[in-house]
């Protein structure tokens, strides 16, 4: 949309423009403050399990944000995740990240299909 410069007073925004402004700015501008120890322990938790530093920080931020929204301690979430096997942890983190992403970009897990060495067939006479 082009910017128009005028000496006239600004018009009141209609409902559509207010909705557009809210969706494009307000919904994704929430800032959260975290305890440094909780943040560092969350990042270390994911780095220890093979995440790169950047992905560990992003995942820790999402976990801490959701914990603050739900008003629970982040350590409780990490304790539950520590009981998961690596494959289940990957799936759980994918679900958590998808819940906190734009709906137009989803993460997925590729499953490699295995083939049997022998082929079973029914032979009918």
C-alpha atoms as a PDB file:
ATOM      1  CA  UNK A   1       0.000   0.000   0.000  1.00  0.00           C
ATOM      2  CA  UNK A   2       1.366   3.418  -0.939  1.00  0.00           C
ATOM      3  CA  UNK A   3       1.962   6.130   1.626  1.00  0.00           C
ATOM      4  CA  UNK A   4       0.032   9.318   1.057  1.00  0.00           C
ATOM      5  CA  UNK A   5       1.215  12.575   2.548  1.00  0.00           C
ATOM      6  CA  UNK A   6      -1.427  15.141   3.306  1.00  0.00           C
ATOM      7  CA  UNK A   7      -2.226  18.046   5.613  1.00  0.00           C
ATOM      8  CA  UNK A   8      -5.637  16.606   6.426  1.00  0.00           C
ATOM      9  CA  UNK A   9      -6.182  14.965   9.806  1.00  0.00           C
ATOM     10  CA  UNK A  10      -5.728  11.178   9.804  1.00  0.00           C
ATOM     11  CA  UNK A  11      -8.789   9.058   9.172  1.00  0.00           C
ATOM     12  CA  UNK A  12     -10.023   6.636  11.767  1.00  0.00           C
ATOM     13  CA  UNK A  13      -9.132   3.081  10.827  1.00  0.00           C
ATOM     14  CA  UNK A  14     -11.977   0.798   9.860  1.00  0.00           C
ATOM     15  CA  UNK A  15     -12.441  -2.642  11.410  1.00  0.00           C
ATOM     16  CA  UNK A  16     -10.557  -4.404   8.629  1.00  0.00           C
ATOM     17  CA  UNK A  17      -7.504  -2.179   8.968  1.00  0.00           C
ATOM     18  CA  UNK A  18      -7.544  -2.577  12.766  1.00  0.00           C
ATOM     19  CA  UNK A  19      -7.652  -6.362  12.365  1.00  0.00           C
ATOM     20  CA  UNK A  20      -4.793  -6.298   9.866  1.00  0.00           C
ATOM     21  CA  UNK A  21      -2.680  -4.138  12.180  1.00  0.00           C
ATOM     22  CA  UNK A  22      -3.388  -6.424  15.127  1.00  0.00           C
ATOM     23  CA  UNK A  23      -2.535  -9.599  13.214  1.00  0.00           C
ATOM     24  CA  UNK A  24       0.663  -8.234  11.714  1.00  0.00           C
ATOM     25  CA  UNK A  25       2.094  -6.540  14.788  1.00  0.00           C
ATOM     26  CA  UNK A  26       0.516  -7.177  18.166  1.00  0.00           C
ATOM     27  CA  UNK A  27       0.210 -10.972  18.189  1.00  0.00           C
ATOM     28  CA  UNK A  28       3.902 -11.650  17.689  1.00  0.00           C
ATOM     29  CA  UNK A  29       5.465  -8.851  19.719  1.00  0.00           C
ATOM     30  CA  UNK A  30       5.196 -10.306  23.208  1.00  0.00           C
ATOM     31  CA  UNK A  31       8.468 -10.021  25.043  1.00  0.00           C
ATOM     32  CA  UNK A  32       9.278 -12.320  27.918  1.00  0.00           C
ATOM     33  CA  UNK A  33      11.946 -12.095  30.558  1.00  0.00           C
ATOM     34  CA  UNK A  34      13.468 -15.316  31.821  1.00  0.00           C
ATOM     35  CA  UNK A  35      15.661 -16.277  34.710  1.00  0.00           C
ATOM     36  CA  UNK A  36      19.226 -16.617  33.401  1.00  0.00           C
ATOM     37  CA  UNK A  37      19.755 -19.915  35.199  1.00  0.00           C
ATOM     38  CA  UNK A  38      16.594 -21.430  33.707  1.00  0.00           C
ATOM     39  CA  UNK A  39      17.547 -20.251  30.222  1.00  0.00           C
ATOM     40  CA  UNK A  40      21.099 -21.592  30.491  1.00  0.00           C
ATOM     41  CA  UNK A  41      19.922 -24.938  31.873  1.00  0.00           C
ATOM     42  CA  UNK A  42      17.343 -25.291  29.096  1.00  0.00           C
ATOM     43  CA  UNK A  43      19.932 -24.517  26.406  1.00  0.00           C
ATOM     44  CA  UNK A  44      22.420 -26.928  28.005  1.00  0.00           C
ATOM     45  CA  UNK A  45      19.717 -29.620  28.143  1.00  0.00           C
ATOM     46  CA  UNK A  46      19.252 -29.498  24.376  1.00  0.00           C
ATOM     47  CA  UNK A  47      22.951 -29.077  23.531  1.00  0.00           C
ATOM     48  CA  UNK A  48      23.698 -32.172  25.621  1.00  0.00           C
ATOM     49  CA  UNK A  49      21.194 -34.109  23.511  1.00  0.00           C
ATOM     50  CA  UNK A  50      22.836 -33.247  20.200  1.00  0.00           C
ATOM     51  CA  UNK A  51      21.123 -29.998  19.206  1.00  0.00           C
ATOM     52  CA  UNK A  52      23.257 -27.261  17.693  1.00  0.00           C
ATOM     53  CA  UNK A  53      23.642 -24.127  19.798  1.00  0.00           C
ATOM     54  CA  UNK A  54      21.243 -22.082  17.637  1.00  0.00           C
ATOM     55  CA  UNK A  55      18.510 -24.703  17.592  1.00  0.00           C
ATOM     56  CA  UNK A  56      18.982 -25.313  21.334  1.00  0.00           C
ATOM     57  CA  UNK A  57      18.487 -21.607  22.026  1.00  0.00           C
ATOM     58  CA  UNK A  58      15.381 -21.427  19.825  1.00  0.00           C
ATOM     59  CA  UNK A  59      13.868 -24.522  21.393  1.00  0.00           C
ATOM     60  CA  UNK A  60      14.702 -23.329  24.909  1.00  0.00           C
ATOM     61  CA  UNK A  61      13.030 -19.991  24.181  1.00  0.00           C
ATOM     62  CA  UNK A  62       9.855 -21.738  23.033  1.00  0.00           C
ATOM     63  CA  UNK A  63       9.833 -24.036  26.079  1.00  0.00           C
ATOM     64  CA  UNK A  64      10.411 -21.143  28.492  1.00  0.00           C
ATOM     65  CA  UNK A  65       7.779 -18.987  26.800  1.00  0.00           C
ATOM     66  CA  UNK A  66       5.158 -21.719  26.967  1.00  0.00           C
ATOM     67  CA  UNK A  67       6.061 -22.457  30.591  1.00  0.00           C
ATOM     68  CA  UNK A  68       5.576 -18.779  31.443  1.00  0.00           C
ATOM     69  CA  UNK A  69       2.211 -18.707  29.635  1.00  0.00           C
ATOM     70  CA  UNK A  70       1.051 -21.880  31.410  1.00  0.00           C
ATOM     71  CA  UNK A  71       2.513 -20.674  34.725  1.00  0.00           C
ATOM     72  CA  UNK A  72       4.595 -23.792  35.391  1.00  0.00           C
ATOM     73  CA  UNK A  73       8.280 -24.262  36.097  1.00  0.00           C
ATOM     74  CA  UNK A  74      10.409 -24.928  32.989  1.00  0.00           C
ATOM     75  CA  UNK A  75      12.429 -27.509  34.911  1.00  0.00           C
ATOM     76  CA  UNK A  76       9.306 -29.678  35.183  1.00  0.00           C
ATOM     77  CA  UNK A  77       9.040 -29.758  31.395  1.00  0.00           C
ATOM     78  CA  UNK A  78      12.728 -30.568  31.009  1.00  0.00           C
ATOM     79  CA  UNK A  79      12.445 -33.345  33.602  1.00  0.00           C
ATOM     80  CA  UNK A  80       9.643 -34.933  31.594  1.00  0.00           C
ATOM     81  CA  UNK A  81      11.595 -34.551  28.341  1.00  0.00           C
ATOM     82  CA  UNK A  82      14.703 -36.122  29.897  1.00  0.00           C
ATOM     83  CA  UNK A  83      12.796 -39.405  30.281  1.00  0.00           C
ATOM     84  CA  UNK A  84      12.141 -39.614  26.533  1.00  0.00           C
ATOM     85  CA  UNK A  85      14.249 -41.640  24.101  1.00  0.00           C
ATOM     86  CA  UNK A  86      16.012 -39.600  21.384  1.00  0.00           C
ATOM     87  CA  UNK A  87      13.450 -40.488  18.702  1.00  0.00           C
ATOM     88  CA  UNK A  88      10.529 -39.591  20.971  1.00  0.00           C
ATOM     89  CA  UNK A  89      12.305 -36.390  22.063  1.00  0.00           C
ATOM     90  CA  UNK A  90      12.651 -35.359  18.434  1.00  0.00           C
ATOM     91  CA  UNK A  91       8.964 -35.981  17.824  1.00  0.00           C
ATOM     92  CA  UNK A  92       7.926 -34.093  20.974  1.00  0.00           C
ATOM     93  CA  UNK A  93      10.101 -31.104  20.102  1.00  0.00           C
ATOM     94  CA  UNK A  94       8.607 -31.068  16.594  1.00  0.00           C
ATOM     95  CA  UNK A  95       5.107 -30.967  18.085  1.00  0.00           C
ATOM     96  CA  UNK A  96       6.074 -28.185  20.508  1.00  0.00           C
ATOM     97  CA  UNK A  97       7.691 -26.097  17.786  1.00  0.00           C
ATOM     98  CA  UNK A  98       4.741 -26.596  15.423  1.00  0.00           C
ATOM     99  CA  UNK A  99       2.371 -25.362  18.114  1.00  0.00           C
ATOM    100  CA  UNK A 100       4.366 -22.122  18.290  1.00  0.00           C
ATOM    101  CA  UNK A 101       4.885 -21.449  14.571  1.00  0.00           C
ATOM    102  CA  UNK A 102       2.931 -19.754  11.854  1.00  0.00           C
ATOM    103  CA  UNK A 103       0.420 -22.227  10.468  1.00  0.00           C
ATOM    104  CA  UNK A 104       1.836 -21.773   6.972  1.00  0.00           C
ATOM    105  CA  UNK A 105       5.184 -23.354   7.879  1.00  0.00           C
ATOM    106  CA  UNK A 106       5.152 -26.697   9.641  1.00  0.00           C
ATOM    107  CA  UNK A 107       7.976 -28.987  10.638  1.00  0.00           C
ATOM    108  CA  UNK A 108       7.895 -32.669   9.887  1.00  0.00           C
ATOM    109  CA  UNK A 109       9.860 -35.816  10.422  1.00  0.00           C
ATOM    110  CA  UNK A 110      10.906 -37.965   7.521  1.00  0.00           C
ATOM    111  CA  UNK A 111      10.501 -41.656   8.068  1.00  0.00           C
ATOM    112  CA  UNK A 112      12.673 -43.916   5.984  1.00  0.00           C
ATOM    113  CA  UNK A 113      10.806 -46.945   4.774  1.00  0.00           C
ATOM    114  CA  UNK A 114      12.499 -50.275   5.161  1.00  0.00           C
ATOM    115  CA  UNK A 115      12.146 -53.059   2.677  1.00  0.00           C
ATOM    116  CA  UNK A 116      12.219 -56.730   3.472  1.00  0.00           C
ATOM    117  CA  UNK A 117      15.050 -58.818   2.167  1.00  0.00           C
ATOM    118  CA  UNK A 118      12.684 -61.594   1.145  1.00  0.00           C
ATOM    119  CA  UNK A 119       9.446 -61.200  -0.727  1.00  0.00           C
ATOM    120  CA  UNK A 120       6.363 -63.121   0.371  1.00  0.00           C
ATOM    121  CA  UNK A 121       3.830 -63.981  -2.298  1.00  0.00           C
ATOM    122  CA  UNK A 122       0.768 -66.124  -2.503  1.00  0.00           C
ATOM    123  CA  UNK A 123       0.739 -68.382  -5.528  1.00  0.00           C
ATOM    124  CA  UNK A 124      -2.679 -69.628  -6.533  1.00  0.00           C
ATOM    125  CA  UNK A 125      -3.077 -72.524  -8.994  1.00  0.00           C
END
